[in-house]
Amino acid sequence: MPPLDDVLLATLPVLLAAFALFDRHLVRACSLFVLFALTVALTWWQLGFAWLALLEVLLGAVLTGAFLFHALGIGLVRLTPTVRLIHLRDPMPWIWRRAIVHLAPVLVLLGMLMAALASLPAGESSLAARWSGLVLLGLGLWTFALHAHLLRRLLAFNITGTGIFLLLMSLVANTSPAAGQGLVITGLVVAWLGTALGALLIRRLAALEQHHEATAANGGQAS
């Protein structure tokens, strides 16, 4: 049975990811994601990958968090959201009607992965990280399909990537950790660049939507 600290470090990221993905307040959801990234950094440290822990703090928590808040229109000077479009809440009854439909293929995928991984050996820490990665992968894929909200999909994209990284390192931790770290570092950089691009696009779409509404309102007043 894995030690208690391994279990906690495998469980906390999953709980924080779920809270971030389903919190209806977007500012709080982004804050929870930053906490999620910090707990993942602790998991990397526990597994003995100090460089991954450092990069997770820098890219996952600091820089990715900064772009998520930028997408909300929150900066160092302005502390309240300025982009109304991405502050809207998802219609929860509509989401939950779709939940079962999207959950079925995710469960099938996770079942296939679990069956494939069942025979592979793993240490106690690696095993805890493997289960955490599997759950994060499934949770991220499910919520990416579930939410229509662009910022929530961006959060799900990052959590899915983290699940893949944890799963990968749990498989190679005892065989070729150097190669695994190289792949994960590359993945972290690509994920951060994708998040930056997504945040900038969300901000641009929101600005265009506001401009369109202002133009329509001015046109209506003029007529």
Protein backbone atom coordinates (compact mmCIF):
# COMPACT_ATOMS: atom_id res chain seq x y z
CA MET A 1 0.00 0.00 0.00
CA PRO A 2 1.45 3.42 -0.96
CA PRO A 3 2.48 5.72 1.91
CA LEU A 4 0.00 8.34 3.09
CA ASP A 5 1.96 11.26 1.61
CA ASP A 6 1.95 9.57 -1.81
CA VAL A 7 -1.80 9.05 -1.59
CA LEU A 8 -2.35 12.68 -0.58
CA LEU A 9 -0.18 14.01 -3.40
CA ALA A 10 -2.09 11.81 -5.86
CA THR A 11 -5.50 12.81 -4.50
CA LEU A 12 -5.09 16.57 -4.01
CA PRO A 13 -4.46 17.36 -7.72
CA VAL A 14 -7.57 15.40 -8.70
CA LEU A 15 -9.75 17.22 -6.16
CA LEU A 16 -8.41 20.65 -7.10
CA ALA A 17 -8.80 19.88 -10.80
CA ALA A 18 -12.44 18.88 -10.27
CA PHE A 19 -13.14 22.03 -8.25
CA ALA A 20 -11.47 24.21 -10.90
CA LEU A 21 -13.40 22.62 -13.75
CA PHE A 22 -16.81 22.83 -12.10
CA ASP A 23 -16.62 26.03 -10.07
CA ARG A 24 -19.13 28.43 -11.62
CA HIS A 25 -17.07 31.50 -10.67
CA LEU A 26 -14.34 31.81 -13.28
CA VAL A 27 -11.93 33.86 -11.19
CA ARG A 28 -12.08 31.28 -8.43
CA ALA A 29 -11.75 28.47 -10.99
CA CYS A 30 -8.51 29.98 -12.33
CA SER A 31 -7.22 30.45 -8.78
CA LEU A 32 -7.95 26.79 -8.04
CA PHE A 33 -6.06 25.83 -11.19
CA VAL A 34 -2.98 27.65 -9.91
CA LEU A 35 -3.23 25.67 -6.66
CA PHE A 36 -3.65 22.52 -8.75
CA ALA A 37 -0.42 23.27 -10.63
CA LEU A 38 1.43 23.80 -7.34
CA THR A 39 0.28 20.43 -6.00
CA VAL A 40 1.40 18.79 -9.24
CA ALA A 41 4.80 20.40 -8.69
CA LEU A 42 4.88 18.76 -5.25
CA THR A 43 4.06 15.44 -6.91
CA TRP A 44 6.99 15.85 -9.30
CA TRP A 45 9.22 16.64 -6.33
CA GLN A 46 7.98 13.57 -4.48
CA LEU A 47 8.80 11.43 -7.51
CA GLY A 48 12.34 12.83 -7.54
CA PHE A 49 12.03 15.07 -10.60
CA ALA A 50 13.21 18.43 -9.27
CA TRP A 51 13.48 20.07 -12.69
CA LEU A 52 9.92 19.11 -13.55
CA ALA A 53 8.76 20.50 -10.21
CA LEU A 54 10.51 23.81 -10.93
CA LEU A 55 9.11 24.04 -14.45
CA GLU A 56 5.62 23.15 -13.21
CA VAL A 57 5.75 26.07 -10.80
CA LEU A 58 7.07 28.45 -13.46
CA LEU A 59 5.10 27.34 -16.52
CA GLY A 60 2.09 25.63 -14.95
CA ALA A 61 1.32 27.90 -12.01
CA VAL A 62 2.88 31.31 -12.69
CA LEU A 63 2.82 31.80 -16.46
CA THR A 64 -0.22 29.68 -17.32
CA GLY A 65 -2.11 31.24 -14.41
CA ALA A 66 -1.13 34.70 -15.64
CA PHE A 67 -2.54 34.01 -19.10
CA LEU A 68 -5.74 32.56 -17.68
CA PHE A 69 -6.30 35.71 -15.65
CA HIS A 70 -5.36 37.78 -18.68
CA ALA A 71 -8.13 36.03 -20.60
CA LEU A 72 -10.50 37.24 -17.89
CA GLY A 73 -9.19 40.77 -18.22
CA ILE A 74 -7.51 40.70 -14.81
CA GLY A 75 -4.03 42.15 -14.47
CA LEU A 76 -1.75 43.62 -11.85
CA VAL A 77 -3.55 46.97 -12.02
CA ARG A 78 -7.13 45.91 -12.69
CA LEU A 79 -8.37 43.25 -10.27
CA THR A 80 -11.89 42.75 -11.58
CA PRO A 81 -12.90 40.99 -14.83
CA THR A 82 -13.33 43.36 -17.75
CA VAL A 83 -14.41 40.86 -20.41
CA ARG A 84 -18.09 40.19 -19.96
CA LEU A 85 -18.30 37.50 -22.61
CA ILE A 86 -16.08 35.00 -20.81
CA HIS A 87 -17.59 35.81 -17.43
CA LEU A 88 -20.91 34.25 -18.43
CA ARG A 89 -21.92 31.04 -16.69
CA ASP A 90 -22.61 27.81 -18.47
CA PRO A 91 -26.22 26.61 -18.37
CA MET A 92 -25.78 23.72 -15.93
CA PRO A 93 -29.00 21.78 -16.76
CA TRP A 94 -27.94 21.73 -20.41
CA ILE A 95 -24.47 20.52 -19.43
CA TRP A 96 -25.69 17.68 -17.27
CA ARG A 97 -27.98 16.42 -20.03
CA ARG A 98 -24.86 15.93 -22.12
CA ALA A 99 -22.77 14.53 -19.29
CA ILE A 100 -23.68 10.86 -19.64
CA VAL A 101 -23.27 10.92 -23.41
CA HIS A 102 -19.72 12.24 -23.16
CA LEU A 103 -18.84 10.16 -20.10
CA ALA A 104 -19.36 6.81 -21.83
CA PRO A 105 -16.49 6.99 -24.36
CA VAL A 106 -14.15 8.43 -21.72
CA LEU A 107 -14.87 5.49 -19.41
CA VAL A 108 -14.23 3.08 -22.28
CA LEU A 109 -10.89 4.76 -23.00
CA LEU A 110 -9.87 4.68 -19.33
CA GLY A 111 -10.88 1.02 -19.08
CA MET A 112 -8.68 0.16 -22.05
CA LEU A 113 -5.75 2.09 -20.56
CA MET A 114 -6.18 0.43 -17.17
CA ALA A 115 -6.22 -3.00 -18.78
CA ALA A 116 -3.07 -2.20 -20.74
CA LEU A 117 -1.26 -0.82 -17.68
CA ALA A 118 -2.30 -3.54 -15.25
CA SER A 119 0.64 -5.80 -16.04
CA LEU A 120 3.30 -3.07 -15.97
CA PRO A 121 5.35 -2.83 -12.76
CA ALA A 122 5.52 0.40 -10.78
CA GLY A 123 6.88 1.59 -7.46
CA GLU A 124 4.56 2.85 -4.75
CA SER A 125 5.04 6.53 -5.65
CA SER A 126 4.82 5.80 -9.39
CA LEU A 127 1.64 3.79 -8.88
CA ALA A 128 -0.04 6.67 -7.04
CA ALA A 129 1.01 9.07 -9.81
CA ARG A 130 -0.27 6.61 -12.43
CA TRP A 131 -3.75 6.52 -10.91
CA SER A 132 -3.75 10.28 -10.51
CA GLY A 133 -2.74 10.70 -14.14
CA LEU A 134 -5.46 8.36 -15.34
CA VAL A 135 -8.16 10.20 -13.41
CA LEU A 136 -6.91 13.62 -14.53
CA LEU A 137 -6.80 12.43 -18.14
CA GLY A 138 -10.37 11.16 -17.99
CA LEU A 139 -11.62 14.22 -16.11
CA GLY A 140 -9.96 16.61 -18.54
CA LEU A 141 -11.28 14.85 -21.65
CA TRP A 142 -14.78 14.60 -20.20
CA THR A 143 -15.04 18.25 -19.21
CA PHE A 144 -13.46 19.44 -22.46
CA ALA A 145 -16.32 17.74 -24.32
CA LEU A 146 -18.85 18.80 -21.69
CA HIS A 147 -18.23 22.55 -21.53
CA ALA A 148 -18.92 24.92 -24.39
CA HIS A 149 -17.22 27.76 -22.51
CA LEU A 150 -13.86 28.57 -24.10
CA LEU A 151 -11.99 29.34 -20.89
CA ARG A 152 -13.28 26.18 -19.22
CA ARG A 153 -12.11 24.20 -22.22
CA LEU A 154 -8.70 25.83 -21.85
CA LEU A 155 -8.60 24.69 -18.23
CA ALA A 156 -9.62 21.17 -19.29
CA PHE A 157 -6.90 21.17 -21.95
CA ASN A 158 -4.23 21.89 -19.35
CA ILE A 159 -5.55 19.30 -16.90
CA THR A 160 -5.67 16.66 -19.64
CA GLY A 161 -2.05 17.41 -20.47
CA THR A 162 -1.02 17.11 -16.83
CA GLY A 163 -2.71 13.71 -16.64
CA ILE A 164 -0.77 12.55 -19.69
CA PHE A 165 2.52 13.80 -18.23
CA LEU A 166 1.95 12.06 -14.89
CA LEU A 167 0.98 8.86 -16.66
CA LEU A 168 4.05 9.00 -18.87
CA MET A 169 6.50 9.57 -16.01
CA SER A 170 4.90 6.83 -13.90
CA LEU A 171 5.69 4.41 -16.72
CA VAL A 172 9.32 5.40 -17.32
CA ALA A 173 10.36 6.48 -13.79
CA ASN A 174 12.20 3.19 -13.15
CA THR A 175 13.53 2.59 -16.66
CA SER A 176 14.44 5.78 -18.57
CA PRO A 177 13.58 8.82 -16.44
CA ALA A 178 15.88 11.14 -18.40
CA ALA A 179 14.04 10.48 -21.66
CA GLY A 180 10.69 10.85 -19.91
CA GLN A 181 11.72 14.19 -18.39
CA GLY A 182 12.73 15.47 -21.82
CA LEU A 183 9.33 14.56 -23.24
CA VAL A 184 7.45 16.13 -20.32
CA ILE A 185 9.52 19.33 -20.45
CA THR A 186 8.73 19.64 -24.15
CA GLY A 187 5.07 18.96 -23.39
CA LEU A 188 4.99 21.61 -20.65
CA VAL A 189 6.42 24.23 -23.00
CA VAL A 190 3.97 23.31 -25.78
CA ALA A 191 1.04 23.31 -23.34
CA TRP A 192 2.03 26.75 -22.06
CA LEU A 193 2.32 28.14 -25.60
CA GLY A 194 -1.08 26.64 -26.44
CA THR A 195 -2.58 28.22 -23.33
CA ALA A 196 -1.06 31.60 -24.21
CA LEU A 197 -2.49 31.42 -27.71
CA GLY A 198 -5.87 30.29 -26.43
CA ALA A 199 -6.03 33.08 -23.85
CA LEU A 200 -5.15 35.73 -26.44
CA LEU A 201 -7.78 34.36 -28.84
CA ILE A 202 -10.42 34.35 -26.09
CA ARG A 203 -9.59 37.95 -25.28
CA ARG A 204 -9.77 38.92 -28.95
CA LEU A 205 -13.12 37.16 -29.47
CA ALA A 206 -14.52 38.89 -26.40
CA ALA A 207 -13.37 42.28 -27.69
CA LEU A 208 -14.96 41.62 -31.08
CA GLU A 209 -18.20 40.56 -29.39
CA GLN A 210 -18.27 43.73 -27.31
CA HIS A 211 -17.54 45.86 -30.37
CA HIS A 212 -20.33 44.16 -32.28
CA GLU A 213 -22.80 44.73 -29.44
CA ALA A 214 -21.76 48.38 -29.09
CA THR A 215 -22.14 48.93 -32.83
CA ALA A 216 -25.57 47.29 -32.81
CA ALA A 217 -26.65 49.38 -29.83
CA ASN A 218 -25.45 52.63 -31.45
CA GLY A 219 -27.18 51.68 -34.67
CA GLY A 220 -30.41 51.02 -32.81
CA GLN A 221 -30.23 54.37 -31.01
CA ALA A 222 -29.50 56.21 -34.24
CA SER A 223 -32.49 54.67 -35.96
